[in-house]
């Protein structure tokens, strides 16, 4: 039996599936990091709800701390504040200007996500307990870039051809 070469659509589909799977795996790792970080701060697991903006900020700070502990922050995210500095800023925002929490938390989270996405290898063996950095010429990812990428390849998720009826429609137009 002869091996059939992969088509560009098959390779693209596999890449999208691997990317989405890694984002989901990172979400799980981030949840564990955040729970452990909150526990170390004296907030053990409980049934209390926390605001989304606060959760985004704490998750970002926990990720920065993990990079610091692994000795990777200087490579992965040199422009981001340290975890202690970010935690102090979070406290300052909560006390002095709580109405700015959402904007500040989103900005920090976008920067941490972009660092994770563009500066770390996403297909490593997780048991190593570290993330490896690579040099990237891409400085930042916007949510719009991510949405456009996923939108351009959405047909691959369902095994459809590239000529779907709403091909010219953008993600914003579908909302």
Foldseek 3Di string as FASTA:
>chain_A
DDDDDDDPLRVLLVVVVLVVVLVVVVVVVLVVLLQVQCVVVVNHDDDDDDDPLVSLLSSLLSLLVLCVVVVRCCQLPVPADHSVVSVVVLVCCVPPPVVCSNVVSVVSNQSSVFSCVFFWDRPDDCVVVDTHGDDGPDRGDDVQNVQQSCLQSVCSNVVHDSDDPPNVDGPVNVD
